[in-house]
Amino acid sequence: MDNNDRNKAAVARMDELANGTGDIAWLDEICTPDLVNHALKKDAAPGLEGTRNFLLKAQRDKHPARWIESRIVAENDLVVQFGMREQVWPGGPFRGYDFPAGTFRRETAFAYRLVNGRIGERWAIRDDLAMVLQLGGRPVSEASRR
């Protein structure tokens, strides 16, 4: 297996975790101990701890996400996965909007920098406006923020 294939395999295992079909214990195996996850909220715990918390809180067993269409491109230490994802939203607030429960699709790209076959950095680029429009999100009122 060449370096690009090895890196794609690590991203595929991370994808299984994000979709709720993999074992959370893999996180320590597929990521570097000093992982920088740029996709986490600013107030989240950093690195592996924050990523683990996010995956556990997402409860993908109850609120699945999956690729409808996906492409993976790898070159040296960089891997980009992009396409269309479908996700079940449990209902509740997200980025200043309140959403009812429902299913939506949005274009998504994940970018990774790998170190010796392990994920060292992760970025997420998503079309959140598509989510807002499909789920009929309403801005959270000032009163409900208190």
C-alpha atoms as a PDB file:
ATOM      1  CA  MET A   1       0.000   0.000   0.000  1.00  0.00           C
ATOM      2  CA  ASP A   2       1.486   3.351  -0.987  1.00  0.00           C
ATOM      3  CA  ASN A   3       1.420   6.478   1.200  1.00  0.00           C
ATOM      4  CA  ASN A   4      -1.650   7.984  -0.531  1.00  0.00           C
ATOM      5  CA  ASP A   5      -3.623   4.746  -0.073  1.00  0.00           C
ATOM      6  CA  ARG A   6      -2.576   4.511   3.578  1.00  0.00           C
ATOM      7  CA  ASN A   7      -3.729   8.089   4.186  1.00  0.00           C
ATOM      8  CA  LYS A   8      -7.039   7.463   2.395  1.00  0.00           C
ATOM      9  CA  ALA A   9      -7.559   4.397   4.618  1.00  0.00           C
ATOM     10  CA  ALA A  10      -7.082   6.516   7.777  1.00  0.00           C
ATOM     11  CA  VAL A  11      -9.618   9.049   6.491  1.00  0.00           C
ATOM     12  CA  ALA A  12     -12.050   6.226   5.648  1.00  0.00           C
ATOM     13  CA  ARG A  13     -11.841   5.017   9.264  1.00  0.00           C
ATOM     14  CA  MET A  14     -12.441   8.578  10.531  1.00  0.00           C
ATOM     15  CA  ASP A  15     -15.418   8.745   8.184  1.00  0.00           C
ATOM     16  CA  GLU A  16     -16.829   5.591   9.783  1.00  0.00           C
ATOM     17  CA  LEU A  17     -16.609   7.304  13.176  1.00  0.00           C
ATOM     18  CA  ALA A  18     -18.323  10.440  11.861  1.00  0.00           C
ATOM     19  CA  ASN A  19     -21.088   8.301  10.338  1.00  0.00           C
ATOM     20  CA  GLY A  20     -21.578   6.296  13.535  1.00  0.00           C
ATOM     21  CA  THR A  21     -20.466   2.949  12.126  1.00  0.00           C
ATOM     22  CA  GLY A  22     -16.997   2.734  13.673  1.00  0.00           C
ATOM     23  CA  ASP A  23     -15.556   2.112  17.127  1.00  0.00           C
ATOM     24  CA  ILE A  24     -14.725   5.355  18.981  1.00  0.00           C
ATOM     25  CA  ALA A  25     -11.586   3.640  20.340  1.00  0.00           C
ATOM     26  CA  TRP A  26     -10.130   3.944  16.821  1.00  0.00           C
ATOM     27  CA  LEU A  27      -9.692   7.668  17.375  1.00  0.00           C
ATOM     28  CA  ASP A  28      -6.443   7.188  19.333  1.00  0.00           C
ATOM     29  CA  GLU A  29      -5.184   4.811  16.656  1.00  0.00           C
ATOM     30  CA  ILE A  30      -5.953   6.919  13.575  1.00  0.00           C
ATOM     31  CA  CYS A  31      -5.115  10.396  14.941  1.00  0.00           C
ATOM     32  CA  THR A  32      -1.929  11.883  16.320  1.00  0.00           C
ATOM     33  CA  PRO A  33      -1.944  12.636  20.075  1.00  0.00           C
ATOM     34  CA  ASP A  34      -1.654  16.364  19.272  1.00  0.00           C
ATOM     35  CA  LEU A  35      -4.508  16.411  16.711  1.00  0.00           C
ATOM     36  CA  VAL A  36      -5.713  19.905  15.762  1.00  0.00           C
ATOM     37  CA  ASN A  37      -9.383  19.728  14.767  1.00  0.00           C
ATOM     38  CA  HIS A  38     -10.250  23.092  13.207  1.00  0.00           C
ATOM     39  CA  ALA A  39     -13.884  21.967  12.802  1.00  0.00           C
ATOM     40  CA  LEU A  40     -14.676  22.040  16.530  1.00  0.00           C
ATOM     41  CA  LYS A  41     -16.584  24.902  18.149  1.00  0.00           C
ATOM     42  CA  LYS A  42     -14.366  27.581  19.675  1.00  0.00           C
ATOM     43  CA  ASP A  43     -15.450  26.673  23.229  1.00  0.00           C
ATOM     44  CA  ALA A  44     -14.925  22.920  22.735  1.00  0.00           C
ATOM     45  CA  ALA A  45     -12.081  21.027  24.333  1.00  0.00           C
ATOM     46  CA  PRO A  46      -9.223  20.864  21.814  1.00  0.00           C
ATOM     47  CA  GLY A  47      -7.721  17.907  19.985  1.00  0.00           C
ATOM     48  CA  LEU A  48      -8.577  14.298  20.644  1.00  0.00           C
ATOM     49  CA  GLU A  49     -10.704  15.108  23.695  1.00  0.00           C
ATOM     50  CA  GLY A  50     -12.859  17.622  21.815  1.00  0.00           C
ATOM     51  CA  THR A  51     -13.172  15.337  18.801  1.00  0.00           C
ATOM     52  CA  ARG A  52     -14.169  12.396  21.017  1.00  0.00           C
ATOM     53  CA  ASN A  53     -16.740  14.581  22.837  1.00  0.00           C
ATOM     54  CA  PHE A  54     -18.180  15.763  19.507  1.00  0.00           C
ATOM     55  CA  LEU A  55     -18.524  12.219  18.172  1.00  0.00           C
ATOM     56  CA  LEU A  56     -20.178  10.996  21.370  1.00  0.00           C
ATOM     57  CA  LYS A  57     -22.551  13.982  21.555  1.00  0.00           C
ATOM     58  CA  ALA A  58     -23.565  13.585  17.886  1.00  0.00           C
ATOM     59  CA  GLN A  59     -25.125  10.187  18.741  1.00  0.00           C
ATOM     60  CA  ARG A  60     -24.855   8.973  15.154  1.00  0.00           C
ATOM     61  CA  ASP A  61     -26.553   5.715  16.156  1.00  0.00           C
ATOM     62  CA  LYS A  62     -29.720   7.795  16.668  1.00  0.00           C
ATOM     63  CA  HIS A  63     -28.970  10.664  14.239  1.00  0.00           C
ATOM     64  CA  PRO A  64     -27.076   9.117  11.317  1.00  0.00           C
ATOM     65  CA  ALA A  65     -25.046  10.894   8.668  1.00  0.00           C
ATOM     66  CA  ARG A  66     -23.876   9.366   5.407  1.00  0.00           C
ATOM     67  CA  TRP A  67     -22.313  10.273   2.098  1.00  0.00           C
ATOM     68  CA  ILE A  68     -24.735  10.298  -0.836  1.00  0.00           C
ATOM     69  CA  GLU A  69     -21.838  11.058  -3.146  1.00  0.00           C
ATOM     70  CA  SER A  70     -18.172  11.177  -2.145  1.00  0.00           C
ATOM     71  CA  ARG A  71     -14.797  11.721  -3.751  1.00  0.00           C
ATOM     72  CA  ILE A  72     -11.468  11.326  -1.977  1.00  0.00           C
ATOM     73  CA  VAL A  73      -8.272  12.877  -3.313  1.00  0.00           C
ATOM     74  CA  ALA A  74      -4.892  12.236  -1.681  1.00  0.00           C
ATOM     75  CA  GLU A  75      -1.512  13.712  -2.389  1.00  0.00           C
ATOM     76  CA  ASN A  76       1.407  13.226  -0.028  1.00  0.00           C
ATOM     77  CA  ASP A  77       0.255  14.237   3.480  1.00  0.00           C
ATOM     78  CA  LEU A  78      -3.026  15.885   2.391  1.00  0.00           C
ATOM     79  CA  VAL A  79      -6.397  14.188   1.845  1.00  0.00           C
ATOM     80  CA  VAL A  80      -9.628  15.923   0.818  1.00  0.00           C
ATOM     81  CA  GLN A  81     -13.004  14.226   0.886  1.00  0.00           C
ATOM     82  CA  PHE A  82     -15.925  16.073  -0.682  1.00  0.00           C
ATOM     83  CA  GLY A  83     -19.433  15.465  -1.938  1.00  0.00           C
ATOM     84  CA  MET A  84     -23.026  15.407  -0.717  1.00  0.00           C
ATOM     85  CA  ARG A  85     -23.916  14.254   2.807  1.00  0.00           C
ATOM     86  CA  GLU A  86     -27.312  13.380   4.206  1.00  0.00           C
ATOM     87  CA  GLN A  87     -27.885  13.789   7.912  1.00  0.00           C
ATOM     88  CA  VAL A  88     -30.677  13.331  10.433  1.00  0.00           C
ATOM     89  CA  TRP A  89     -31.024  16.372  12.707  1.00  0.00           C
ATOM     90  CA  PRO A  90     -32.511  15.672  16.167  1.00  0.00           C
ATOM     91  CA  GLY A  91     -33.945  19.179  16.505  1.00  0.00           C
ATOM     92  CA  GLY A  92     -32.535  22.062  18.515  1.00  0.00           C
ATOM     93  CA  PRO A  93     -30.186  25.036  18.168  1.00  0.00           C
ATOM     94  CA  PHE A  94     -27.225  25.343  15.799  1.00  0.00           C
ATOM     95  CA  ARG A  95     -25.295  28.519  14.906  1.00  0.00           C
ATOM     96  CA  GLY A  96     -27.965  30.891  16.149  1.00  0.00           C
ATOM     97  CA  TYR A  97     -30.913  29.035  14.614  1.00  0.00           C
ATOM     98  CA  ASP A  98     -33.462  26.703  16.145  1.00  0.00           C
ATOM     99  CA  PHE A  99     -34.318  23.706  13.987  1.00  0.00           C
ATOM    100  CA  PRO A 100     -37.087  21.147  14.149  1.00  0.00           C
ATOM    101  CA  ALA A 101     -36.044  17.505  13.773  1.00  0.00           C
ATOM    102  CA  GLY A 102     -35.612  16.364  10.187  1.00  0.00           C
ATOM    103  CA  THR A 103     -33.329  15.108   7.451  1.00  0.00           C
ATOM    104  CA  PHE A 104     -31.262  17.355   5.198  1.00  0.00           C
ATOM    105  CA  ARG A 105     -28.564  17.146   2.538  1.00  0.00           C
ATOM    106  CA  ARG A 106     -25.643  19.519   2.099  1.00  0.00           C
ATOM    107  CA  GLU A 107     -22.417  19.748   0.185  1.00  0.00           C
ATOM    108  CA  THR A 108     -19.495  19.025   2.479  1.00  0.00           C
ATOM    109  CA  ALA A 109     -15.716  18.875   2.270  1.00  0.00           C
ATOM    110  CA  PHE A 110     -13.343  17.527   4.881  1.00  0.00           C
ATOM    111  CA  ALA A 111      -9.625  18.220   4.581  1.00  0.00           C
ATOM    112  CA  TYR A 112      -6.943  16.355   6.500  1.00  0.00           C
ATOM    113  CA  ARG A 113      -3.197  16.641   7.035  1.00  0.00           C
ATOM    114  CA  LEU A 114      -1.657  13.328   7.975  1.00  0.00           C
ATOM    115  CA  VAL A 115       1.569  12.527   9.790  1.00  0.00           C
ATOM    116  CA  ASN A 116       2.957   9.012   9.292  1.00  0.00           C
ATOM    117  CA  GLY A 117      -0.489   7.717   8.283  1.00  0.00           C
ATOM    118  CA  ARG A 118      -2.314   9.354  11.204  1.00  0.00           C
ATOM    119  CA  ILE A 119      -4.591  12.405  11.109  1.00  0.00           C
ATOM    120  CA  GLY A 120      -2.792  15.441  12.527  1.00  0.00           C
ATOM    121  CA  GLU A 121      -5.191  18.177  11.393  1.00  0.00           C
ATOM    122  CA  ARG A 122      -8.824  18.259  10.254  1.00  0.00           C
ATOM    123  CA  TRP A 123     -11.005  20.941   8.661  1.00  0.00           C
ATOM    124  CA  ALA A 124     -14.705  20.862   7.728  1.00  0.00           C
ATOM    125  CA  ILE A 125     -16.359  23.024   5.092  1.00  0.00           C
ATOM    126  CA  ARG A 126     -20.150  22.647   4.923  1.00  0.00           C
ATOM    127  CA  ASP A 127     -23.059  24.356   3.217  1.00  0.00           C
ATOM    128  CA  ASP A 128     -24.872  25.264   6.441  1.00  0.00           C
ATOM    129  CA  LEU A 129     -27.293  27.529   4.531  1.00  0.00           C
ATOM    130  CA  ALA A 130     -28.645  24.410   2.787  1.00  0.00           C
ATOM    131  CA  MET A 131     -29.356  22.964   6.241  1.00  0.00           C
ATOM    132  CA  VAL A 132     -31.121  26.150   7.362  1.00  0.00           C
ATOM    133  CA  LEU A 133     -33.304  26.227   4.252  1.00  0.00           C
ATOM    134  CA  GLN A 134     -34.193  22.517   4.245  1.00  0.00           C
ATOM    135  CA  LEU A 135     -35.038  22.325   7.947  1.00  0.00           C
ATOM    136  CA  GLY A 136     -36.773  25.712   8.078  1.00  0.00           C
ATOM    137  CA  GLY A 137     -34.529  27.094  10.796  1.00  0.00           C
ATOM    138  CA  ARG A 138     -35.642  30.221  12.596  1.00  0.00           C
ATOM    139  CA  PRO A 139     -33.243  32.684  14.231  1.00  0.00           C
ATOM    140  CA  VAL A 140     -33.067  32.075  17.982  1.00  0.00           C
ATOM    141  CA  SER A 141     -34.821  34.928  19.775  1.00  0.00           C
ATOM    142  CA  GLU A 142     -32.909  37.049  22.269  1.00  0.00           C
ATOM    143  CA  ALA A 143     -35.261  35.869  25.047  1.00  0.00           C
ATOM    144  CA  SER A 144     -34.504  32.192  24.411  1.00  0.00           C
ATOM    145  CA  ARG A 145     -30.727  32.819  24.547  1.00  0.00           C
ATOM    146  CA  ARG A 146     -30.962  33.813  28.226  1.00  0.00           C
END
